[in-house]
Amino acid sequence: ALLYGDAQPGGLMNIISKRANVQRSENSVRAMVGSWGRRRLEGDFNRVLIPNKLALRVNVAGQESDDWRDFRYNNFSGIHAALQYNVTRNTR
């Protein structure tokens, strides 16, 4: 939730797996605009370095937002990288 969701720390846990894909390269970019001046940009980039063996995945996110309460903002930026190497067919 801290990486890609609207999270407020309070004891809740949200786990999202962003594993690299060793079979195909793909990209996605998403932009959002909302109320209270919310602007959010996300990018997800997966690159196969060695087919069926080695891949790199990078996720980035940035957000700026006001709130209906004074002096309260929801600004965020983050980056996450995952590398996957398949040692054998059943071992990563």
N, C-alpha and C. Protein backbone atom coordinates (compact mmCIF):
# COMPACT_ATOMS: atom_id res chain seq x y z
N ALA A 1 0.82 -1.19 0.00
CA ALA A 1 0.00 0.00 0.00
C ALA A 1 0.87 1.26 0.00
N LEU A 2 1.99 1.23 0.67
CA LEU A 2 2.87 2.39 0.66
C LEU A 2 3.45 2.63 -0.71
N LEU A 3 3.61 1.57 -1.51
CA LEU A 3 4.24 1.71 -2.81
C LEU A 3 3.26 2.19 -3.87
N TYR A 4 2.04 1.67 -3.89
CA TYR A 4 1.13 2.00 -4.98
C TYR A 4 -0.28 2.35 -4.55
N GLY A 5 -0.56 2.39 -3.29
CA GLY A 5 -1.92 2.71 -2.87
C GLY A 5 -1.95 3.97 -2.05
N ASP A 6 -3.14 4.37 -1.72
CA ASP A 6 -3.32 5.51 -0.83
C ASP A 6 -3.29 4.98 0.59
N ALA A 7 -2.11 4.91 1.16
CA ALA A 7 -1.95 4.28 2.47
C ALA A 7 -1.73 5.33 3.54
N GLN A 8 -2.37 5.14 4.63
CA GLN A 8 -2.11 5.91 5.83
C GLN A 8 -1.61 4.93 6.87
N PRO A 9 -0.40 5.11 7.40
CA PRO A 9 0.11 4.14 8.37
C PRO A 9 -0.80 4.06 9.58
N GLY A 10 -1.22 2.88 9.91
CA GLY A 10 -2.12 2.72 11.05
C GLY A 10 -2.25 1.27 11.45
N GLY A 11 -1.27 0.45 11.12
CA GLY A 11 -1.29 -0.93 11.52
C GLY A 11 -1.83 -1.89 10.47
N LEU A 12 -2.30 -1.37 9.34
CA LEU A 12 -2.80 -2.24 8.29
C LEU A 12 -1.67 -2.62 7.34
N MET A 13 -1.72 -3.83 6.83
CA MET A 13 -0.69 -4.28 5.92
C MET A 13 -1.31 -4.65 4.58
N ASN A 14 -0.65 -4.26 3.51
CA ASN A 14 -1.09 -4.58 2.16
C ASN A 14 0.14 -5.03 1.39
N ILE A 15 0.16 -6.28 0.94
CA ILE A 15 1.31 -6.81 0.22
C ILE A 15 0.92 -7.05 -1.23
N ILE A 16 1.65 -6.43 -2.15
CA ILE A 16 1.43 -6.60 -3.58
C ILE A 16 2.74 -7.07 -4.19
N SER A 17 2.72 -8.23 -4.82
CA SER A 17 3.92 -8.78 -5.42
C SER A 17 4.14 -8.16 -6.79
N LYS A 18 5.30 -7.61 -7.01
CA LYS A 18 5.69 -7.05 -8.31
C LYS A 18 6.92 -7.83 -8.77
N ARG A 19 6.71 -9.05 -9.20
CA ARG A 19 7.79 -9.93 -9.63
C ARG A 19 8.14 -9.67 -11.09
N ALA A 20 9.43 -9.74 -11.40
CA ALA A 20 9.86 -9.58 -12.79
C ALA A 20 9.41 -10.79 -13.61
N ASN A 21 9.06 -10.54 -14.86
CA ASN A 21 8.60 -11.59 -15.78
C ASN A 21 9.74 -11.93 -16.73
N VAL A 22 10.23 -13.17 -16.71
CA VAL A 22 11.38 -13.57 -17.54
C VAL A 22 10.96 -13.99 -18.94
N GLN A 23 9.66 -13.95 -19.24
CA GLN A 23 9.18 -14.42 -20.53
C GLN A 23 8.90 -13.31 -21.53
N ARG A 24 8.52 -12.11 -21.07
CA ARG A 24 8.26 -11.03 -22.02
C ARG A 24 8.50 -9.66 -21.39
N SER A 25 8.98 -8.74 -22.22
CA SER A 25 9.17 -7.35 -21.80
C SER A 25 7.86 -6.60 -22.02
N GLU A 26 7.52 -5.71 -21.10
CA GLU A 26 6.31 -4.91 -21.24
C GLU A 26 6.44 -3.63 -20.43
N ASN A 27 5.69 -2.61 -20.85
CA ASN A 27 5.69 -1.30 -20.19
C ASN A 27 4.25 -0.86 -19.98
N SER A 28 4.03 -0.07 -18.95
CA SER A 28 2.74 0.60 -18.79
C SER A 28 2.96 1.91 -18.04
N VAL A 29 2.22 2.92 -18.46
CA VAL A 29 2.26 4.24 -17.82
C VAL A 29 0.81 4.65 -17.60
N ARG A 30 0.52 5.19 -16.43
CA ARG A 30 -0.84 5.61 -16.11
C ARG A 30 -0.79 6.97 -15.42
N ALA A 31 -1.64 7.88 -15.88
CA ALA A 31 -1.75 9.21 -15.28
C ALA A 31 -3.18 9.39 -14.79
N MET A 32 -3.34 10.00 -13.61
CA MET A 32 -4.66 10.23 -13.03
C MET A 32 -4.77 11.66 -12.53
N VAL A 33 -5.95 12.21 -12.66
CA VAL A 33 -6.26 13.54 -12.13
C VAL A 33 -7.58 13.40 -11.39
N GLY A 34 -7.66 14.00 -10.20
CA GLY A 34 -8.88 13.88 -9.41
C GLY A 34 -9.20 15.13 -8.63
N SER A 35 -10.17 15.01 -7.75
CA SER A 35 -10.59 16.15 -6.95
C SER A 35 -9.52 16.51 -5.92
N TRP A 36 -9.64 17.69 -5.34
CA TRP A 36 -8.71 18.25 -4.37
C TRP A 36 -7.30 18.36 -4.95
N GLY A 37 -7.21 18.63 -6.24
CA GLY A 37 -5.92 18.85 -6.87
C GLY A 37 -5.06 17.60 -6.99
N ARG A 38 -5.67 16.44 -6.98
CA ARG A 38 -4.91 15.19 -7.03
C ARG A 38 -4.35 14.96 -8.43
N ARG A 39 -3.04 14.71 -8.46
CA ARG A 39 -2.33 14.35 -9.69
C ARG A 39 -1.44 13.16 -9.35
N ARG A 40 -1.53 12.10 -10.15
CA ARG A 40 -0.75 10.89 -9.89
C ARG A 40 -0.22 10.33 -11.20
N LEU A 41 1.04 9.89 -11.18
CA LEU A 41 1.67 9.29 -12.35
C LEU A 41 2.35 8.00 -11.90
N GLU A 42 2.08 6.90 -12.64
CA GLU A 42 2.66 5.60 -12.33
C GLU A 42 3.32 5.02 -13.57
N GLY A 43 4.40 4.31 -13.39
CA GLY A 43 5.07 3.61 -14.49
C GLY A 43 5.51 2.23 -14.03
N ASP A 44 5.35 1.25 -14.91
CA ASP A 44 5.73 -0.14 -14.62
C ASP A 44 6.49 -0.66 -15.85
N PHE A 45 7.76 -0.99 -15.67
CA PHE A 45 8.62 -1.37 -16.78
C PHE A 45 9.28 -2.70 -16.48
N ASN A 46 9.09 -3.67 -17.36
CA ASN A 46 9.68 -5.00 -17.22
C ASN A 46 10.56 -5.27 -18.43
N ARG A 47 11.81 -5.68 -18.21
CA ARG A 47 12.75 -5.97 -19.28
C ARG A 47 13.31 -7.37 -19.09
N VAL A 48 13.22 -8.19 -20.15
CA VAL A 48 13.87 -9.50 -20.17
C VAL A 48 15.31 -9.27 -20.58
N LEU A 49 16.24 -9.67 -19.73
CA LEU A 49 17.67 -9.50 -20.02
C LEU A 49 18.25 -10.75 -20.67
N ILE A 50 17.87 -11.92 -20.16
CA ILE A 50 18.20 -13.21 -20.76
C ILE A 50 16.90 -14.00 -20.80
N PRO A 51 16.38 -14.33 -21.99
CA PRO A 51 15.07 -14.99 -22.09
C PRO A 51 14.96 -16.24 -21.21
N ASN A 52 13.85 -16.30 -20.47
CA ASN A 52 13.54 -17.40 -19.54
C ASN A 52 14.56 -17.59 -18.43
N LYS A 53 15.44 -16.62 -18.23
CA LYS A 53 16.49 -16.74 -17.21
C LYS A 53 16.59 -15.52 -16.30
N LEU A 54 16.64 -14.31 -16.87
CA LEU A 54 16.92 -13.10 -16.09
C LEU A 54 16.05 -11.94 -16.57
N ALA A 55 15.42 -11.25 -15.61
CA ALA A 55 14.57 -10.09 -15.94
C ALA A 55 14.65 -9.05 -14.83
N LEU A 56 14.39 -7.80 -15.21
CA LEU A 56 14.38 -6.67 -14.28
C LEU A 56 13.05 -5.96 -14.41
N ARG A 57 12.42 -5.63 -13.28
CA ARG A 57 11.17 -4.88 -13.26
C ARG A 57 11.35 -3.66 -12.37
N VAL A 58 10.97 -2.50 -12.90
CA VAL A 58 11.07 -1.24 -12.15
C VAL A 58 9.69 -0.58 -12.13
N ASN A 59 9.24 -0.19 -10.95
CA ASN A 59 7.97 0.50 -10.77
C ASN A 59 8.25 1.86 -10.14
N VAL A 60 7.62 2.89 -10.67
CA VAL A 60 7.75 4.24 -10.12
C VAL A 60 6.36 4.83 -9.94
N ALA A 61 6.23 5.69 -8.94
CA ALA A 61 4.95 6.35 -8.69
C ALA A 61 5.20 7.70 -8.04
N GLY A 62 4.38 8.67 -8.39
CA GLY A 62 4.44 9.98 -7.78
C GLY A 62 3.05 10.58 -7.69
N GLN A 63 2.76 11.27 -6.59
CA GLN A 63 1.43 11.83 -6.38
C GLN A 63 1.53 13.13 -5.60
N GLU A 64 0.69 14.09 -5.98
CA GLU A 64 0.51 15.33 -5.22
C GLU A 64 -0.97 15.54 -5.05
N SER A 65 -1.40 15.87 -3.83
CA SER A 65 -2.82 16.04 -3.58
C SER A 65 -3.04 16.90 -2.35
N ASP A 66 -4.06 17.74 -2.40
CA ASP A 66 -4.49 18.50 -1.23
C ASP A 66 -5.53 17.68 -0.48
N ASP A 67 -6.13 18.28 0.52
CA ASP A 67 -7.15 17.60 1.31
C ASP A 67 -8.19 18.63 1.69
N TRP A 68 -9.35 18.18 2.08
CA TRP A 68 -10.39 19.12 2.49
C TRP A 68 -10.05 19.78 3.82
N ARG A 69 -9.11 19.22 4.55
CA ARG A 69 -8.64 19.82 5.80
C ARG A 69 -7.45 20.74 5.50
N ASP A 70 -7.34 21.84 6.22
CA ASP A 70 -6.23 22.77 6.02
C ASP A 70 -4.90 22.13 6.41
N PHE A 71 -3.86 22.45 5.67
CA PHE A 71 -2.49 22.03 5.94
C PHE A 71 -2.33 20.51 5.95
N ARG A 72 -3.15 19.82 5.20
CA ARG A 72 -3.05 18.36 5.08
C ARG A 72 -2.83 18.02 3.61
N TYR A 73 -1.78 17.28 3.32
CA TYR A 73 -1.43 16.94 1.95
C TYR A 73 -1.18 15.45 1.85
N ASN A 74 -1.31 14.92 0.65
CA ASN A 74 -1.04 13.52 0.41
C ASN A 74 -0.04 13.44 -0.75
N ASN A 75 1.19 13.85 -0.49
CA ASN A 75 2.24 13.86 -1.50
C ASN A 75 3.10 12.62 -1.33
N PHE A 76 3.49 12.02 -2.45
CA PHE A 76 4.19 10.76 -2.39
C PHE A 76 5.04 10.57 -3.64
N SER A 77 6.21 9.99 -3.49
CA SER A 77 7.00 9.54 -4.63
C SER A 77 7.76 8.29 -4.20
N GLY A 78 7.88 7.34 -5.10
CA GLY A 78 8.56 6.10 -4.75
C GLY A 78 9.05 5.35 -5.97
N ILE A 79 10.00 4.47 -5.74
CA ILE A 79 10.54 3.62 -6.80
C ILE A 79 10.81 2.24 -6.19
N HIS A 80 10.58 1.22 -6.98
CA HIS A 80 10.80 -0.16 -6.55
C HIS A 80 11.40 -0.93 -7.72
N ALA A 81 12.40 -1.75 -7.43
CA ALA A 81 13.02 -2.57 -8.47
C ALA A 81 13.05 -4.02 -8.01
N ALA A 82 12.81 -4.93 -8.94
CA ALA A 82 12.87 -6.37 -8.65
C ALA A 82 13.65 -7.06 -9.77
N LEU A 83 14.58 -7.90 -9.36
CA LEU A 83 15.38 -8.67 -10.31
C LEU A 83 15.06 -10.14 -10.09
N GLN A 84 14.81 -10.86 -11.16
CA GLN A 84 14.54 -12.30 -11.03
C GLN A 84 15.53 -13.06 -11.89
N TYR A 85 16.16 -14.06 -11.28
CA TYR A 85 17.09 -14.94 -11.97
C TYR A 85 16.64 -16.37 -11.72
N ASN A 86 16.36 -17.11 -12.77
CA ASN A 86 15.95 -18.50 -12.65
C ASN A 86 17.19 -19.38 -12.70
N VAL A 87 17.56 -19.94 -11.55
CA VAL A 87 18.73 -20.82 -11.46
C VAL A 87 18.41 -22.14 -12.19
N THR A 88 17.28 -22.74 -11.84
CA THR A 88 16.78 -23.93 -12.52
C THR A 88 15.32 -23.67 -12.87
N ARG A 89 14.66 -24.66 -13.44
CA ARG A 89 13.26 -24.48 -13.80
C ARG A 89 12.37 -24.26 -12.57
N ASN A 90 12.74 -24.84 -11.42
CA ASN A 90 11.93 -24.73 -10.21
C ASN A 90 12.56 -23.83 -9.15
N THR A 91 13.67 -23.20 -9.44
CA THR A 91 14.36 -22.38 -8.43
C THR A 91 14.59 -20.98 -8.98
N ARG A 92 14.11 -19.95 -8.22
CA ARG A 92 14.31 -18.55 -8.60
C ARG A 92 15.20 -17.87 -7.59
